[in-house]
Amino acid sequence: MSYNKTIKEMQKEVDQYIGQFKEGYFGPLAMLARLTEELGELAREINHYYGEKPKKNTEKEKTIEEELGDLQFVIMCLANSLKIDLEEAHNQVMHKFNTRDKDRWTRK
């Protein structure tokens, strides 16, 4: 099934998932630690696919896509816990790049 979700819909889906547990969201520092852990797992996968460090035969096969999804989930948890709208955050950063950095790179 292919369904294009908005960032708001994804944040709501994550919030509904977390909301079913009494523990709720972890604190910001714990989520930062989780984010760092997931980033390390992404780095490891990229190193296996594109770097000089092949996987051991005993290591579970994971994908870069899976690791990016894990990162996205934790980012959404962190944003939700801090009441940050990621669509608005995206709009702000794109405005910054389109103004501050508009002449920084060579256009095609």
C-alpha atoms as a PDB file:
ATOM      1  CA  MET A   1       0.000   0.000   0.000  1.00  0.00           C
ATOM      2  CA  SER A   2       1.404   3.351  -1.009  1.00  0.00           C
ATOM      3  CA  TYR A   3       0.226   6.360   0.956  1.00  0.00           C
ATOM      4  CA  ASN A   4       2.023   9.669   1.007  1.00  0.00           C
ATOM      5  CA  LYS A   5       1.830  10.957   4.563  1.00  0.00           C
ATOM      6  CA  THR A   6       2.570  14.501   5.541  1.00  0.00           C
ATOM      7  CA  ILE A   7       5.101  15.152   8.261  1.00  0.00           C
ATOM      8  CA  LYS A   8       2.199  16.224  10.513  1.00  0.00           C
ATOM      9  CA  GLU A   9       0.484  12.882   9.899  1.00  0.00           C
ATOM     10  CA  MET A  10       3.705  11.002  10.658  1.00  0.00           C
ATOM     11  CA  GLN A  11       4.225  12.993  13.874  1.00  0.00           C
ATOM     12  CA  LYS A  12       0.624  12.228  14.894  1.00  0.00           C
ATOM     13  CA  GLU A  13       1.120   8.523  14.124  1.00  0.00           C
ATOM     14  CA  VAL A  14       4.274   8.434  16.274  1.00  0.00           C
ATOM     15  CA  ASP A  15       2.449  10.309  19.053  1.00  0.00           C
ATOM     16  CA  GLN A  16      -0.445   7.831  18.974  1.00  0.00           C
ATOM     17  CA  TYR A  17       2.000   4.934  19.138  1.00  0.00           C
ATOM     18  CA  ILE A  18       3.919   6.385  22.105  1.00  0.00           C
ATOM     19  CA  GLY A  19       0.675   7.498  23.771  1.00  0.00           C
ATOM     20  CA  GLN A  20      -0.437   3.908  24.303  1.00  0.00           C
ATOM     21  CA  PHE A  21       2.351   3.349  26.823  1.00  0.00           C
ATOM     22  CA  LYS A  22       2.331   4.613  30.404  1.00  0.00           C
ATOM     23  CA  GLU A  23       6.016   5.560  30.176  1.00  0.00           C
ATOM     24  CA  GLY A  24       5.377   7.984  27.302  1.00  0.00           C
ATOM     25  CA  TYR A  25       8.265   9.857  25.746  1.00  0.00           C
ATOM     26  CA  PHE A  26      11.760   9.626  27.188  1.00  0.00           C
ATOM     27  CA  GLY A  27      13.321  12.872  28.382  1.00  0.00           C
ATOM     28  CA  PRO A  28      15.228  15.024  25.882  1.00  0.00           C
ATOM     29  CA  LEU A  29      18.678  13.850  27.028  1.00  0.00           C
ATOM     30  CA  ALA A  30      17.701  10.181  26.802  1.00  0.00           C
ATOM     31  CA  MET A  31      16.283  10.785  23.334  1.00  0.00           C
ATOM     32  CA  LEU A  32      19.461  12.568  22.301  1.00  0.00           C
ATOM     33  CA  ALA A  33      21.376   9.477  23.411  1.00  0.00           C
ATOM     34  CA  ARG A  34      19.001   7.301  21.346  1.00  0.00           C
ATOM     35  CA  LEU A  35      19.421   9.614  18.376  1.00  0.00           C
ATOM     36  CA  THR A  36      23.196   9.328  18.680  1.00  0.00           C
ATOM     37  CA  GLU A  37      22.923   5.543  18.905  1.00  0.00           C
ATOM     38  CA  GLU A  38      20.740   5.365  15.799  1.00  0.00           C
ATOM     39  CA  LEU A  39      23.090   7.707  13.918  1.00  0.00           C
ATOM     40  CA  GLY A  40      25.953   5.367  14.782  1.00  0.00           C
ATOM     41  CA  GLU A  41      23.982   2.435  13.373  1.00  0.00           C
ATOM     42  CA  LEU A  42      23.366   4.399  10.164  1.00  0.00           C
ATOM     43  CA  ALA A  43      27.073   5.236   9.938  1.00  0.00           C
ATOM     44  CA  ARG A  44      27.922   1.578  10.363  1.00  0.00           C
ATOM     45  CA  GLU A  45      25.574   0.529   7.547  1.00  0.00           C
ATOM     46  CA  ILE A  46      26.915   3.212   5.203  1.00  0.00           C
ATOM     47  CA  ASN A  47      30.442   2.084   6.020  1.00  0.00           C
ATOM     48  CA  HIS A  48      29.505  -1.514   5.165  1.00  0.00           C
ATOM     49  CA  TYR A  49      27.931  -0.551   1.832  1.00  0.00           C
ATOM     50  CA  TYR A  50      30.280   2.205   0.698  1.00  0.00           C
ATOM     51  CA  GLY A  51      33.355   1.959   2.892  1.00  0.00           C
ATOM     52  CA  GLU A  52      36.219  -0.419   3.292  1.00  0.00           C
ATOM     53  CA  LYS A  53      34.760  -2.326   6.247  1.00  0.00           C
ATOM     54  CA  PRO A  54      32.737  -5.353   5.114  1.00  0.00           C
ATOM     55  CA  LYS A  55      30.194  -6.952   7.412  1.00  0.00           C
ATOM     56  CA  LYS A  56      31.129 -10.000   9.416  1.00  0.00           C
ATOM     57  CA  ASN A  57      29.309 -13.181   8.422  1.00  0.00           C
ATOM     58  CA  THR A  58      27.664 -13.222  11.852  1.00  0.00           C
ATOM     59  CA  GLU A  59      26.209  -9.691  11.581  1.00  0.00           C
ATOM     60  CA  LYS A  60      22.504  -9.226  10.875  1.00  0.00           C
ATOM     61  CA  GLU A  61      21.695  -7.708   7.492  1.00  0.00           C
ATOM     62  CA  LYS A  62      20.191  -4.245   7.875  1.00  0.00           C
ATOM     63  CA  THR A  63      19.559  -1.547   5.318  1.00  0.00           C
ATOM     64  CA  ILE A  64      20.348   2.132   5.159  1.00  0.00           C
ATOM     65  CA  GLU A  65      16.627   2.710   4.622  1.00  0.00           C
ATOM     66  CA  GLU A  66      15.820   0.909   7.889  1.00  0.00           C
ATOM     67  CA  GLU A  67      18.392   2.936   9.799  1.00  0.00           C
ATOM     68  CA  LEU A  68      17.123   6.213   8.315  1.00  0.00           C
ATOM     69  CA  GLY A  69      13.616   5.187   9.400  1.00  0.00           C
ATOM     70  CA  ASP A  70      14.851   4.559  12.941  1.00  0.00           C
ATOM     71  CA  LEU A  71      16.475   8.006  12.980  1.00  0.00           C
ATOM     72  CA  GLN A  72      13.302   9.625  11.681  1.00  0.00           C
ATOM     73  CA  PHE A  73      11.225   7.927  14.383  1.00  0.00           C
ATOM     74  CA  VAL A  74      13.498   9.181  17.176  1.00  0.00           C
ATOM     75  CA  ILE A  75      13.587  12.690  15.675  1.00  0.00           C
ATOM     76  CA  MET A  76       9.788  12.686  15.632  1.00  0.00           C
ATOM     77  CA  CYS A  77       9.673  11.476  19.237  1.00  0.00           C
ATOM     78  CA  LEU A  78      12.031  14.265  20.288  1.00  0.00           C
ATOM     79  CA  ALA A  79      10.070  16.889  18.335  1.00  0.00           C
ATOM     80  CA  ASN A  80       6.734  15.681  19.705  1.00  0.00           C
ATOM     81  CA  SER A  81       7.986  15.686  23.282  1.00  0.00           C
ATOM     82  CA  LEU A  82       9.169  19.291  22.845  1.00  0.00           C
ATOM     83  CA  LYS A  83       5.969  20.326  20.974  1.00  0.00           C
ATOM     84  CA  ILE A  84       7.929  21.112  17.784  1.00  0.00           C
ATOM     85  CA  ASP A  85       6.084  21.016  14.464  1.00  0.00           C
ATOM     86  CA  LEU A  86       8.584  19.441  12.070  1.00  0.00           C
ATOM     87  CA  GLU A  87       6.783  20.847   9.017  1.00  0.00           C
ATOM     88  CA  GLU A  88       7.290  24.349  10.414  1.00  0.00           C
ATOM     89  CA  ALA A  89      10.897  23.530  11.308  1.00  0.00           C
ATOM     90  CA  HIS A  90      11.415  22.320   7.729  1.00  0.00           C
ATOM     91  CA  ASN A  91       9.873  25.493   6.311  1.00  0.00           C
ATOM     92  CA  GLN A  92      12.132  27.639   8.485  1.00  0.00           C
ATOM     93  CA  VAL A  93      15.307  25.816   7.454  1.00  0.00           C
ATOM     94  CA  MET A  94      14.366  25.890   3.753  1.00  0.00           C
ATOM     95  CA  HIS A  95      13.749  29.638   3.999  1.00  0.00           C
ATOM     96  CA  LYS A  96      17.189  29.993   5.582  1.00  0.00           C
ATOM     97  CA  PHE A  97      18.871  27.956   2.838  1.00  0.00           C
ATOM     98  CA  ASN A  98      16.969  29.755   0.078  1.00  0.00           C
ATOM     99  CA  THR A  99      17.970  33.179   1.384  1.00  0.00           C
ATOM    100  CA  ARG A 100      21.275  32.931   3.227  1.00  0.00           C
ATOM    101  CA  ASP A 101      22.773  30.274   0.960  1.00  0.00           C
ATOM    102  CA  LYS A 102      21.035  31.168  -2.321  1.00  0.00           C
ATOM    103  CA  ASP A 103      24.299  32.040  -4.086  1.00  0.00           C
ATOM    104  CA  ARG A 104      26.588  29.656  -2.230  1.00  0.00           C
ATOM    105  CA  TRP A 105      26.554  26.736  -4.668  1.00  0.00           C
ATOM    106  CA  THR A 106      26.866  26.417  -8.449  1.00  0.00           C
ATOM    107  CA  ARG A 107      23.425  26.017 -10.003  1.00  0.00           C
ATOM    108  CA  LYS A 108      22.730  23.529 -12.789  1.00  0.00           C
END
